[in-house]
């Protein structure tokens, strides 16, 4: 038995296009995956309701929080050195990439 046809008002016939940066597209696509929704459904929900389903972030172990705080202090010192000397300390790019990767992994649940 075939699925009943949708009424004219229920059909998704109109298309809305917009331009965005690749990073923005990736964030939206990941959020849709986390919500177990298609990209289309997720975006439509965001646009029409102004809200989107958000997965609650896991709580940090106090030890993890302390380590993140220490890493942040070290990054702050490296940035201070950058501003004082005008030269990028070699450890700054590597450390910031590691921290960014870790934080994005925690947010995305990866």
N, C-alpha and C. Protein backbone atom coordinates (compact mmCIF):
# COMPACT_ATOMS: atom_id res chain seq x y z
N UNK A 1 0.85 -1.18 0.00
CA UNK A 1 0.00 0.00 0.00
C UNK A 1 0.89 1.24 0.00
N UNK A 2 0.59 2.16 -0.86
CA UNK A 2 1.40 3.38 -0.99
C UNK A 2 1.07 4.37 0.12
N UNK A 3 2.02 5.21 0.37
CA UNK A 3 1.82 6.27 1.37
C UNK A 3 0.84 7.29 0.81
N UNK A 4 -0.08 7.80 1.64
CA UNK A 4 -1.04 8.80 1.15
C UNK A 4 -0.29 10.07 0.72
N UNK A 5 -0.78 10.73 -0.31
CA UNK A 5 -0.15 11.96 -0.77
C UNK A 5 -0.43 13.08 0.22
N UNK A 6 0.51 13.98 0.32
CA UNK A 6 0.36 15.12 1.22
C UNK A 6 -0.52 16.18 0.55
N UNK A 7 -1.22 16.93 1.39
CA UNK A 7 -2.00 18.04 0.88
C UNK A 7 -1.08 19.15 0.38
N UNK A 8 -1.62 20.04 -0.38
CA UNK A 8 -0.83 21.12 -0.98
C UNK A 8 -0.09 21.95 0.07
N UNK A 9 -0.72 22.20 1.21
CA UNK A 9 -0.09 23.01 2.25
C UNK A 9 0.99 22.25 3.02
N UNK A 10 1.00 20.94 2.93
CA UNK A 10 1.98 20.13 3.67
C UNK A 10 3.22 19.79 2.84
N UNK A 11 3.19 20.08 1.56
CA UNK A 11 4.32 19.75 0.70
C UNK A 11 5.45 20.75 0.88
N UNK A 12 6.66 20.24 0.91
CA UNK A 12 7.84 21.09 1.00
C UNK A 12 8.30 21.41 -0.42
N UNK A 13 7.75 22.48 -0.98
CA UNK A 13 7.99 22.78 -2.38
C UNK A 13 8.87 24.00 -2.60
N UNK A 14 9.03 24.82 -1.59
CA UNK A 14 9.81 26.06 -1.74
C UNK A 14 11.23 25.85 -1.22
N UNK A 15 12.17 26.50 -1.88
CA UNK A 15 13.57 26.36 -1.49
C UNK A 15 14.13 27.72 -1.10
N UNK A 16 14.86 27.74 0.00
CA UNK A 16 15.54 28.95 0.47
C UNK A 16 17.03 28.69 0.42
N UNK A 17 17.77 29.54 -0.24
CA UNK A 17 19.22 29.37 -0.34
C UNK A 17 19.90 30.51 0.38
N UNK A 18 21.01 30.22 1.01
CA UNK A 18 21.81 31.27 1.64
C UNK A 18 23.28 30.87 1.53
N UNK A 19 24.14 31.83 1.65
CA UNK A 19 25.57 31.58 1.59
C UNK A 19 26.15 31.69 2.99
N UNK A 20 27.13 30.86 3.25
CA UNK A 20 27.80 30.89 4.55
C UNK A 20 29.22 30.39 4.38
N UNK A 21 30.00 30.62 5.40
CA UNK A 21 31.38 30.15 5.40
C UNK A 21 31.39 28.63 5.61
N UNK A 22 32.42 27.96 5.12
CA UNK A 22 32.50 26.50 5.33
C UNK A 22 32.42 26.10 6.79
N UNK A 23 33.05 26.87 7.67
CA UNK A 23 33.02 26.54 9.09
C UNK A 23 31.60 26.66 9.66
N UNK A 24 30.85 27.65 9.19
CA UNK A 24 29.47 27.80 9.66
C UNK A 24 28.61 26.62 9.20
N UNK A 25 28.79 26.24 7.94
CA UNK A 25 28.05 25.10 7.40
C UNK A 25 28.36 23.84 8.19
N UNK A 26 29.63 23.64 8.49
CA UNK A 26 30.05 22.46 9.24
C UNK A 26 29.42 22.44 10.63
N UNK A 27 29.38 23.59 11.29
CA UNK A 27 28.76 23.67 12.63
C UNK A 27 27.29 23.30 12.57
N UNK A 28 26.58 23.82 11.57
CA UNK A 28 25.15 23.52 11.45
C UNK A 28 24.94 22.05 11.12
N UNK A 29 25.75 21.52 10.22
CA UNK A 29 25.62 20.11 9.84
C UNK A 29 25.88 19.20 11.04
N UNK A 30 26.91 19.52 11.83
CA UNK A 30 27.21 18.72 13.03
C UNK A 30 26.07 18.80 14.04
N UNK A 31 25.53 20.00 14.22
CA UNK A 31 24.43 20.17 15.18
C UNK A 31 23.21 19.35 14.73
N UNK A 32 22.95 19.32 13.44
CA UNK A 32 21.82 18.53 12.92
C UNK A 32 22.06 17.05 13.17
N UNK A 33 23.30 16.60 12.97
CA UNK A 33 23.61 15.19 13.23
C UNK A 33 23.43 14.86 14.69
N UNK A 34 23.88 15.75 15.58
CA UNK A 34 23.74 15.51 17.02
C UNK A 34 22.29 15.44 17.44
N UNK A 35 21.42 16.21 16.74
CA UNK A 35 19.99 16.21 17.06
C UNK A 35 19.26 15.08 16.33
N UNK A 36 20.00 14.26 15.58
CA UNK A 36 19.41 13.18 14.79
C UNK A 36 18.33 13.70 13.84
N UNK A 37 18.65 14.81 13.17
CA UNK A 37 17.73 15.43 12.23
C UNK A 37 18.44 15.63 10.90
N UNK A 38 17.65 15.70 9.84
CA UNK A 38 18.25 16.04 8.56
C UNK A 38 18.67 17.51 8.62
N UNK A 39 19.60 17.87 7.76
CA UNK A 39 20.05 19.26 7.72
C UNK A 39 18.88 20.19 7.41
N UNK A 40 18.03 19.77 6.51
CA UNK A 40 16.87 20.56 6.12
C UNK A 40 15.91 20.77 7.30
N UNK A 41 15.56 19.66 7.96
CA UNK A 41 14.63 19.75 9.10
C UNK A 41 15.21 20.61 10.22
N UNK A 42 16.48 20.42 10.52
CA UNK A 42 17.13 21.16 11.59
C UNK A 42 17.14 22.66 11.28
N UNK A 43 17.53 23.00 10.05
CA UNK A 43 17.61 24.41 9.67
C UNK A 43 16.23 25.04 9.67
N UNK A 44 15.24 24.32 9.17
CA UNK A 44 13.87 24.84 9.15
C UNK A 44 13.39 25.11 10.58
N UNK A 45 13.65 24.19 11.48
CA UNK A 45 13.27 24.37 12.88
C UNK A 45 13.95 25.60 13.49
N UNK A 46 15.23 25.76 13.19
CA UNK A 46 15.97 26.92 13.71
C UNK A 46 15.37 28.22 13.18
N UNK A 47 15.09 28.27 11.89
CA UNK A 47 14.58 29.50 11.29
C UNK A 47 13.17 29.84 11.75
N UNK A 48 12.32 28.85 11.87
CA UNK A 48 10.92 29.12 12.19
C UNK A 48 10.66 29.32 13.69
N UNK A 49 11.39 28.60 14.52
CA UNK A 49 11.12 28.70 15.95
C UNK A 49 12.12 29.58 16.68
N UNK A 50 13.27 29.82 16.06
CA UNK A 50 14.30 30.61 16.72
C UNK A 50 15.10 29.80 17.71
N UNK A 51 14.77 28.52 17.84
CA UNK A 51 15.50 27.64 18.74
C UNK A 51 15.80 26.34 18.02
N UNK A 52 16.71 25.62 18.57
CA UNK A 52 17.07 24.32 18.00
C UNK A 52 17.35 23.36 19.15
N UNK A 53 17.14 22.08 18.92
CA UNK A 53 17.45 21.12 19.98
C UNK A 53 18.95 21.13 20.26
N UNK A 54 19.30 21.22 21.50
CA UNK A 54 20.70 21.26 21.90
C UNK A 54 20.95 20.15 22.90
N UNK A 55 21.99 19.42 22.65
CA UNK A 55 22.36 18.36 23.58
C UNK A 55 23.07 18.99 24.77
N UNK A 56 22.72 18.58 25.96
CA UNK A 56 23.34 19.13 27.15
C UNK A 56 24.79 18.67 27.24
N UNK A 57 25.66 19.61 27.52
CA UNK A 57 27.07 19.31 27.60
C UNK A 57 27.36 18.52 28.88
N UNK A 58 28.26 17.57 28.75
CA UNK A 58 28.59 16.75 29.91
C UNK A 58 29.34 17.58 30.95
N UNK A 59 29.22 17.18 32.19
CA UNK A 59 29.92 17.90 33.25
C UNK A 59 31.38 17.48 33.28
N UNK A 60 32.22 18.39 33.71
CA UNK A 60 33.65 18.14 33.77
C UNK A 60 34.04 17.51 35.10
N UNK A 61 34.94 16.62 35.02
CA UNK A 61 35.59 16.09 36.20
C UNK A 61 36.44 17.24 36.76
N UNK A 62 36.47 17.45 38.08
CA UNK A 62 37.26 18.55 38.64
C UNK A 62 38.73 18.51 38.20
N UNK A 63 39.29 17.33 38.01
CA UNK A 63 40.68 17.23 37.56
C UNK A 63 40.83 17.75 36.13
N UNK A 64 39.86 17.43 35.28
CA UNK A 64 39.89 17.93 33.90
C UNK A 64 39.77 19.45 33.90
N UNK A 65 38.87 19.97 34.72
CA UNK A 65 38.70 21.41 34.82
C UNK A 65 40.01 22.07 35.25
N UNK A 66 40.68 21.50 36.24
CA UNK A 66 41.94 22.06 36.72
C UNK A 66 43.01 22.04 35.62
N UNK A 67 43.07 20.95 34.86
CA UNK A 67 44.05 20.87 33.77
C UNK A 67 43.75 21.90 32.69
N UNK A 68 42.48 22.08 32.36
CA UNK A 68 42.11 23.10 31.38
C UNK A 68 42.48 24.50 31.87
N UNK A 69 42.28 24.75 33.15
CA UNK A 69 42.64 26.04 33.72
C UNK A 69 44.14 26.28 33.59
N UNK A 70 44.93 25.26 33.88
CA UNK A 70 46.39 25.38 33.77
C UNK A 70 46.83 25.62 32.33
N UNK A 71 46.20 24.90 31.40
CA UNK A 71 46.52 25.10 29.99
C UNK A 71 46.18 26.52 29.57
N UNK A 72 45.04 27.01 30.03
CA UNK A 72 44.64 28.38 29.72
C UNK A 72 45.64 29.39 30.24
N UNK A 73 46.17 29.17 31.42
CA UNK A 73 47.18 30.07 31.98
C UNK A 73 48.43 30.06 31.10
N UNK A 74 48.86 28.87 30.68
CA UNK A 74 50.04 28.78 29.82
C UNK A 74 49.82 29.47 28.48
N UNK A 75 48.63 29.28 27.90
CA UNK A 75 48.33 29.96 26.65
C UNK A 75 48.33 31.48 26.84
N UNK A 76 47.77 31.92 27.94
CA UNK A 76 47.75 33.35 28.22
C UNK A 76 49.17 33.91 28.32
N UNK A 77 50.06 33.19 28.95
CA UNK A 77 51.45 33.63 29.06
C UNK A 77 52.12 33.68 27.69
N UNK A 78 51.84 32.70 26.83
CA UNK A 78 52.43 32.68 25.49
C UNK A 78 51.91 33.86 24.66
N UNK A 79 50.63 34.16 24.79
CA UNK A 79 50.07 35.31 24.07
C UNK A 79 50.67 36.60 24.60
N UNK A 80 50.87 36.68 25.90
CA UNK A 80 51.51 37.86 26.49
C UNK A 80 52.91 38.04 25.91
N UNK A 81 53.64 36.93 25.77
CA UNK A 81 54.98 36.98 25.17
C UNK A 81 54.89 37.47 23.72
N UNK A 82 53.89 37.00 23.00
CA UNK A 82 53.69 37.44 21.62
C UNK A 82 53.49 38.95 21.55
N UNK A 83 52.65 39.48 22.42
CA UNK A 83 52.39 40.91 22.41
C UNK A 83 53.62 41.72 22.84
N UNK A 84 54.38 41.18 23.76
CA UNK A 84 55.56 41.91 24.26
C UNK A 84 56.70 41.93 23.25
N UNK A 85 56.91 40.82 22.54
CA UNK A 85 58.06 40.73 21.63
C UNK A 85 57.70 40.93 20.17
N UNK A 86 56.45 40.73 19.83
CA UNK A 86 56.03 40.82 18.43
C UNK A 86 56.35 39.56 17.64
N UNK A 87 56.92 38.56 18.30
CA UNK A 87 57.24 37.28 17.64
C UNK A 87 56.33 36.19 18.21
N UNK A 88 55.91 35.30 17.32
CA UNK A 88 55.04 34.21 17.77
C UNK A 88 55.89 33.13 18.42
N UNK A 89 55.64 32.83 19.70
CA UNK A 89 56.37 31.75 20.34
C UNK A 89 56.02 30.42 19.66
N UNK A 90 57.00 29.56 19.42
CA UNK A 90 56.73 28.32 18.69
C UNK A 90 55.69 27.43 19.37
N UNK A 91 55.60 27.47 20.67
CA UNK A 91 54.65 26.61 21.37
C UNK A 91 53.21 27.11 21.28
N UNK A 92 53.02 28.37 20.88
CA UNK A 92 51.67 28.94 20.89
C UNK A 92 50.75 28.29 19.87
N UNK A 93 51.18 28.15 18.64
CA UNK A 93 50.30 27.58 17.60
C UNK A 93 49.94 26.14 17.93
N UNK A 94 50.92 25.36 18.35
CA UNK A 94 50.67 23.95 18.66
C UNK A 94 49.73 23.81 19.86
N UNK A 95 50.01 24.57 20.91
CA UNK A 95 49.19 24.48 22.12
C UNK A 95 47.76 24.94 21.86
N UNK A 96 47.61 26.03 21.11
CA UNK A 96 46.25 26.51 20.85
C UNK A 96 45.47 25.53 19.98
N UNK A 97 46.14 24.86 19.04
CA UNK A 97 45.46 23.86 18.20
C UNK A 97 44.99 22.67 19.04
N UNK A 98 45.82 22.25 19.99
CA UNK A 98 45.45 21.13 20.86
C UNK A 98 44.26 21.50 21.73
N UNK A 99 44.30 22.69 22.30
CA UNK A 99 43.20 23.13 23.17
C UNK A 99 41.91 23.28 22.37
N UNK A 100 42.01 23.87 21.18
CA UNK A 100 40.82 24.04 20.35
C UNK A 100 40.22 22.68 19.99
N UNK A 101 41.06 21.75 19.61
CA UNK A 101 40.59 20.42 19.25
C UNK A 101 39.91 19.74 20.45
N UNK A 102 40.50 19.87 21.62
CA UNK A 102 39.93 19.26 22.82
C UNK A 102 38.57 19.87 23.14
N UNK A 103 38.50 21.19 23.11
CA UNK A 103 37.25 21.86 23.47
C UNK A 103 36.14 21.55 22.46
N UNK A 104 36.48 21.58 21.17
CA UNK A 104 35.48 21.23 20.16
C UNK A 104 35.03 19.79 20.32
N UNK A 105 35.95 18.91 20.68
CA UNK A 105 35.58 17.52 20.92
C UNK A 105 34.64 17.39 22.10
N UNK A 106 34.87 18.17 23.14
CA UNK A 106 33.99 18.13 24.31
C UNK A 106 32.60 18.67 23.95
N UNK A 107 32.57 19.75 23.16
CA UNK A 107 31.29 20.35 22.79
C UNK A 107 30.53 19.44 21.85
N UNK A 108 31.23 18.89 20.87
CA UNK A 108 30.56 18.05 19.87
C UNK A 108 30.32 16.64 20.36
N UNK A 109 30.91 16.28 21.48
CA UNK A 109 30.75 14.93 22.01
C UNK A 109 31.54 13.90 21.23
N UNK A 110 32.55 14.37 20.53
CA UNK A 110 33.34 13.46 19.71
C UNK A 110 34.36 12.71 20.51
